[in-house]
Protein backbone atom coordinates (compact mmCIF):
# COMPACT_ATOMS: atom_id res chain seq x y z
CA UNK A 1 0.00 0.00 0.00
CA UNK A 2 1.45 3.33 -1.08
CA UNK A 3 -1.28 5.96 -0.95
CA UNK A 4 -4.43 6.49 1.17
CA UNK A 5 -7.19 9.08 1.04
CA UNK A 6 -8.83 10.24 4.27
CA UNK A 7 -12.26 11.91 4.19
CA UNK A 8 -13.15 13.45 7.56
CA UNK A 9 -16.36 15.03 8.81
CA UNK A 10 -15.88 18.79 8.27
CA UNK A 11 -17.20 20.12 11.61
CA UNK A 12 -17.02 17.34 14.20
CA UNK A 13 -13.96 17.81 16.49
CA UNK A 14 -13.82 14.10 17.36
CA UNK A 15 -13.59 13.28 13.64
CA UNK A 16 -10.70 15.71 13.17
CA UNK A 17 -8.84 14.20 16.14
CA UNK A 18 -9.40 10.66 14.85
CA UNK A 19 -8.29 11.66 11.34
CA UNK A 20 -5.13 13.26 12.78
CA UNK A 21 -4.26 10.00 14.56
CA UNK A 22 -4.94 7.93 11.45
CA UNK A 23 -2.81 10.24 9.32
CA UNK A 24 0.08 9.82 11.77
CA UNK A 25 -0.42 6.02 11.76
CA UNK A 26 -0.03 5.91 7.97
CA UNK A 27 2.88 8.35 7.88
CA UNK A 28 4.79 6.27 10.43
CA UNK A 29 4.53 3.40 7.93
CA UNK A 30 5.65 5.65 5.05
CA UNK A 31 2.24 5.55 3.39
CA UNK A 32 1.31 8.80 1.65
CA UNK A 33 -1.92 10.44 2.85
CA UNK A 34 -4.31 12.76 1.02
CA UNK A 35 -6.96 14.38 3.16
CA UNK A 36 -10.23 16.21 2.51
CA UNK A 37 -13.61 16.89 4.11
CA UNK A 38 -15.24 15.97 0.81
CA UNK A 39 -16.63 19.46 0.17
CA UNK A 40 -14.03 20.36 -2.43
CA UNK A 41 -14.60 17.12 -4.36
CA UNK A 42 -18.13 17.95 -5.56
CA UNK A 43 -16.38 19.12 -8.71
CA UNK A 44 -15.73 16.21 -11.05
CA UNK A 45 -12.15 17.22 -11.83
CA UNK A 46 -11.32 17.67 -8.15
CA UNK A 47 -12.80 14.25 -7.32
CA UNK A 48 -10.77 12.54 -10.03
CA UNK A 49 -7.58 14.31 -8.95
CA UNK A 50 -8.06 13.35 -5.30
CA UNK A 51 -8.77 9.70 -6.09
CA UNK A 52 -5.92 9.18 -8.55
CA UNK A 53 -3.63 6.27 -7.63
CA UNK A 54 -5.16 5.69 -4.18
CA UNK A 55 -5.07 2.20 -2.66
CA UNK A 56 -7.67 2.80 0.06
CA UNK A 57 -10.18 5.47 1.13
CA UNK A 58 -10.89 5.95 4.85
CA UNK A 59 -14.02 7.81 5.97
CA UNK A 60 -13.96 9.33 9.46
CA UNK A 61 -17.40 10.38 10.67
CA UNK A 62 -20.85 8.95 10.10
CA UNK A 63 -22.75 7.49 7.17
CA UNK A 64 -22.90 10.86 5.38
CA UNK A 65 -19.12 11.14 5.43
CA UNK A 66 -18.83 7.58 4.20
CA UNK A 67 -21.12 8.33 1.25
CA UNK A 68 -18.81 11.17 0.21
CA UNK A 69 -15.83 8.86 0.60
CA UNK A 70 -17.52 6.11 -1.40
CA UNK A 71 -18.09 8.53 -4.26
CA UNK A 72 -14.36 9.28 -4.32
CA UNK A 73 -13.43 5.61 -4.03
CA UNK A 74 -15.63 4.84 -7.04
CA UNK A 75 -13.23 6.94 -9.13
CA UNK A 76 -10.35 4.54 -8.52
CA UNK A 77 -12.16 1.29 -7.65
CA UNK A 78 -10.55 0.86 -4.22
CA UNK A 79 -11.95 -0.38 -0.88
CA UNK A 80 -13.52 1.94 1.69
CA UNK A 81 -13.09 1.76 5.46
CA UNK A 82 -15.59 3.59 7.64
CA UNK A 83 -14.24 4.81 11.00
CA UNK A 84 -17.22 5.56 13.20
CA UNK A 85 -17.42 8.91 15.02
CA UNK A 86 -20.92 9.66 16.27
CA UNK A 87 -24.16 7.72 16.18
CA UNK A 88 -24.62 4.10 15.17
CA UNK A 89 -24.81 3.82 11.40
CA UNK A 90 -25.22 1.10 8.81
CA UNK A 91 -22.03 1.80 6.87
CA UNK A 92 -19.24 2.81 9.26
CA UNK A 93 -17.31 -0.17 10.56
CA UNK A 94 -14.90 0.45 13.44
CA UNK A 95 -14.34 2.80 16.39
CA UNK A 96 -11.22 5.03 16.12
CA UNK A 97 -9.47 3.32 19.04
CA UNK A 98 -9.85 -0.08 17.36
CA UNK A 99 -8.90 1.00 13.83
CA UNK A 100 -5.20 0.09 14.10
CA UNK A 101 -5.66 -3.67 14.13
CA UNK A 102 -7.98 -3.59 11.13
CA UNK A 103 -5.64 -1.25 9.25
CA UNK A 104 -2.79 -3.71 9.81
CA UNK A 105 -4.91 -6.42 8.19
CA UNK A 106 -5.61 -4.11 5.24
CA UNK A 107 -1.93 -3.27 4.75
CA UNK A 108 -1.09 -6.98 4.86
CA UNK A 109 -3.87 -7.84 2.40
CA UNK A 110 -5.79 -9.99 4.91
CA UNK A 111 -8.91 -7.85 5.43
CA UNK A 112 -12.40 -9.08 4.52
CA UNK A 113 -13.99 -7.12 1.66
CA UNK A 114 -17.75 -6.91 1.14
CA UNK A 115 -19.21 -5.75 -2.18
CA UNK A 116 -22.29 -3.53 -2.42
CA UNK A 117 -24.34 -2.74 -5.51
CA UNK A 118 -24.01 0.85 -6.76
CA UNK A 119 -25.94 2.77 -9.44
CA UNK A 120 -25.35 5.25 -12.23
CA UNK A 121 -27.92 7.89 -13.21
CA UNK A 122 -27.68 9.61 -16.59
CA UNK A 123 -29.53 12.65 -17.90
CA UNK A 124 -27.69 13.74 -21.03
CA UNK A 125 -24.01 13.31 -21.74
CA UNK A 126 -23.74 16.93 -22.92
CA UNK A 127 -25.20 18.17 -19.59
CA UNK A 128 -23.14 16.27 -17.02
CA UNK A 129 -21.34 12.98 -16.46
CA UNK A 130 -23.27 10.08 -14.95
CA UNK A 131 -24.19 10.46 -11.27
CA UNK A 132 -22.78 7.61 -9.15
CA UNK A 133 -24.82 6.52 -6.12
CA UNK A 134 -24.31 4.02 -3.32
CA UNK A 135 -27.60 4.84 -1.55
CA UNK A 136 -30.11 6.49 -3.85
CA UNK A 137 -30.94 8.65 -6.82
CA UNK A 138 -33.80 11.08 -6.20
CA UNK A 139 -35.87 12.85 -8.83
CA UNK A 140 -38.04 15.40 -7.04
CA UNK A 141 -40.02 18.61 -7.33
CA UNK A 142 -38.58 22.10 -7.06
CA UNK A 143 -41.75 23.98 -6.01
CA UNK A 144 -42.59 23.45 -2.34
CA UNK A 145 -46.39 23.58 -2.58
CA UNK A 146 -46.84 21.65 -5.83
CA UNK A 147 -46.73 18.02 -6.84
CA UNK A 148 -44.77 16.75 -9.78
CA UNK A 149 -45.75 14.10 -12.32
CA UNK A 150 -43.11 11.46 -12.99
CA UNK A 151 -43.59 8.58 -15.42
CA UNK A 152 -41.70 5.41 -14.51
CA UNK A 153 -40.38 2.98 -17.13
CA UNK A 154 -38.59 -0.33 -16.52
CA UNK A 155 -36.46 -1.52 -19.44
CA UNK A 156 -38.39 0.94 -21.65
CA UNK A 157 -41.76 -0.56 -20.61
CA UNK A 158 -44.11 2.07 -19.14
CA UNK A 159 -45.24 1.12 -15.61
CA UNK A 160 -47.08 4.08 -14.07
CA UNK A 161 -47.07 7.83 -13.48
CA UNK A 162 -46.62 9.07 -9.94
CA UNK A 163 -48.17 12.35 -8.85
CA UNK A 164 -45.94 12.95 -5.86
CA UNK A 165 -43.13 14.95 -4.27
CA UNK A 166 -40.65 12.77 -6.12
CA UNK A 167 -39.38 9.26 -6.77
CA UNK A 168 -36.46 7.51 -5.04
CA UNK A 169 -34.46 4.82 -6.78
CA UNK A 170 -32.47 3.02 -4.09
CA UNK A 171 -29.92 0.25 -3.78
CA UNK A 172 -30.25 -2.37 -1.02
CA UNK A 173 -27.72 -0.29 0.94
CA UNK A 174 -29.96 2.76 0.53
CA UNK A 175 -33.12 0.88 1.49
CA UNK A 176 -32.61 1.91 5.13
CA UNK A 177 -32.20 5.60 4.26
CA UNK A 178 -34.67 7.98 2.54
CA UNK A 179 -36.47 5.12 0.79
CA UNK A 180 -37.33 3.62 4.19
CA UNK A 181 -38.64 6.98 5.43
CA UNK A 182 -40.87 7.14 2.35
CA UNK A 183 -42.36 3.71 3.11
CA UNK A 184 -40.01 1.47 1.14
CA UNK A 185 -38.89 -2.02 2.26
CA UNK A 186 -35.72 -2.86 4.15
CA UNK A 187 -33.58 -5.04 1.88
CA UNK A 188 -30.68 -7.27 2.92
CA UNK A 189 -27.57 -5.75 1.25
CA UNK A 190 -26.61 -9.00 -0.47
CA UNK A 191 -29.88 -9.11 -2.43
CA UNK A 192 -29.15 -7.77 -5.96
CA UNK A 193 -32.06 -5.43 -6.61
CA UNK A 194 -33.16 -1.83 -7.16
CA UNK A 195 -36.06 -0.33 -5.19
CA UNK A 196 -38.28 2.40 -6.71
CA UNK A 197 -40.31 4.30 -4.07
CA UNK A 198 -42.60 7.32 -4.57
CA UNK A 199 -42.31 10.22 -2.10
CA UNK A 200 -45.67 11.25 -0.60
CA UNK A 201 -47.72 10.14 -3.65
CA UNK A 202 -51.13 11.77 -4.13
CA UNK A 203 -52.75 8.65 -5.58
CA UNK A 204 -54.11 5.26 -4.56
CA UNK A 205 -51.06 3.30 -5.71
CA UNK A 206 -48.30 4.21 -3.29
CA UNK A 207 -46.17 1.05 -3.17
CA UNK A 208 -42.52 0.45 -3.96
CA UNK A 209 -41.34 -1.54 -6.96
CA UNK A 210 -38.54 -4.03 -6.29
CA UNK A 211 -36.64 -4.72 -9.51
CA UNK A 212 -33.89 -7.02 -10.65
CA UNK A 213 -30.53 -5.30 -10.37
CA UNK A 214 -29.96 -5.57 -14.11
CA UNK A 215 -33.23 -3.87 -15.04
CA UNK A 216 -32.95 -0.21 -15.97
CA UNK A 217 -35.27 2.49 -14.67
CA UNK A 218 -36.21 5.62 -16.60
CA UNK A 219 -38.05 8.49 -14.91
CA UNK A 220 -39.62 11.07 -17.23
CA UNK A 221 -40.77 14.50 -16.07
CA UNK A 222 -44.31 15.27 -17.28
CA UNK A 223 -46.65 18.25 -16.93
CA UNK A 224 -45.52 21.81 -16.40
CA UNK A 225 -43.04 21.52 -13.52
CA UNK A 226 -39.34 20.77 -13.96
CA UNK A 227 -37.60 18.46 -11.49
CA UNK A 228 -34.14 18.08 -9.99
CA UNK A 229 -32.03 14.94 -9.71
CA UNK A 230 -29.45 14.21 -7.02
CA UNK A 231 -27.34 11.23 -6.03
CA UNK A 232 -26.56 10.47 -2.38
CA UNK A 233 -27.37 14.05 -1.38
CA UNK A 234 -24.80 15.68 -3.66
CA UNK A 235 -25.55 18.80 -5.69
CA UNK A 236 -28.79 18.66 -7.69
CA UNK A 237 -29.15 19.07 -11.45
CA UNK A 238 -32.30 20.41 -13.12
CA UNK A 239 -34.35 17.96 -15.19
CA UNK A 240 -36.52 19.84 -17.72
CA UNK A 241 -40.07 18.79 -18.56
CA UNK A 242 -39.97 16.00 -21.13
CA UNK A 243 -36.51 14.78 -20.11
CA UNK A 244 -35.71 11.36 -18.70
CA UNK A 245 -33.30 10.26 -16.00
CA UNK A 246 -31.99 6.76 -16.72
CA UNK A 247 -30.78 4.70 -13.77
CA UNK A 248 -29.09 1.31 -13.65
CA UNK A 249 -26.48 -0.80 -11.95
CA UNK A 250 -22.96 0.66 -11.98
CA UNK A 251 -20.32 -1.46 -13.77
CA UNK A 252 -18.37 -1.96 -10.54
CA UNK A 253 -19.68 -2.42 -6.98
CA UNK A 254 -18.60 -0.42 -3.95
CA UNK A 255 -16.18 -2.40 -1.77
CA UNK A 256 -16.17 -2.13 2.03
CA UNK A 257 -13.54 -3.31 4.48
CA UNK A 258 -15.27 -5.40 7.15
CA UNK A 259 -14.37 -6.78 10.56
CA UNK A 260 -14.60 -10.55 10.81
CA UNK A 261 -16.83 -10.21 13.89
CA UNK A 262 -18.84 -7.19 12.72
CA UNK A 263 -22.54 -7.04 13.70
CA UNK A 264 -24.84 -8.52 11.09
CA UNK A 265 -27.07 -6.25 9.02
CA UNK A 266 -30.12 -7.40 10.95
CA UNK A 267 -28.44 -6.65 14.29
CA UNK A 268 -27.81 -3.12 13.00
CA UNK A 269 -31.45 -2.81 11.88
CA UNK A 270 -32.61 -3.77 15.37
CA UNK A 271 -30.27 -1.29 17.06
CA UNK A 272 -30.75 1.58 14.60
CA UNK A 273 -34.55 1.47 14.70
CA UNK A 274 -34.77 0.40 18.36
CA UNK A 275 -37.06 -2.50 17.49
CA UNK A 276 -39.26 -3.77 20.36
CA UNK A 277 -39.04 -7.15 22.00
CA UNK A 278 -36.25 -9.30 23.37
CA UNK A 279 -34.30 -12.21 21.92
CA UNK A 280 -34.99 -14.07 25.18
CA UNK A 281 -38.72 -14.23 24.39
CA UNK A 282 -39.17 -17.78 23.22
CA UNK A 283 -37.18 -20.09 20.97
CA UNK A 284 -37.35 -19.15 17.26
CA UNK A 285 -37.08 -22.84 16.40
CA UNK A 286 -40.31 -23.73 18.19
């Protein structure tokens, strides 16, 4: 390992302290470090420059910081390690004080890597490059007090038109984020699928569509109101009336460094959403 990128939460003091310690850890092992808070990598050229020739990207913060780091890692197809500073999240992996042992395993090539489906959203090549997303692509209204009409196609077959605040297209990783808040299902990350969920639909049909990961979604803006599209909360781009946003599986998955004894996804679901009940209540085999 020669070069590592560190993406730290921009305002959390504990994240800065943890990033400082990690930077020293790498420098003591003569591993070059590039560091950012992610804000200056919204620009495509800056993101590409930061990611060039990296061997690993380390996110120090919460899930939001990790999403910014994952976007950078997608530029160079390298693993991501999430160092947790703050609340329990679904994506960050290890506490700062326990990061050293896992980093040693990474440097030695012995760390466990887990792949996660990612997506690309395209408007028009002459407008912007494809938007990469680990969690979700959102097409939504711009006017606060108005609904927007969005026609949904799957592999060029028309499915329905949502009159709603917007439509979320989520990965399994993103199923516990905005899609969940909008009423979408929780999906085990290893299930290869794409989830399409309307946001506050003003119609009888208000259910999510769960699609095969290799199916492509197209969302067309109808009516009189333009929309905006964003990926993982990054800067939005206007989608004019009559235009389509095309969304599908990215060519390469995101890759996460995992602890061998990390909590399972369903343990995290229970903790994150504070689900009721106790595992001592009865035998699940009975």
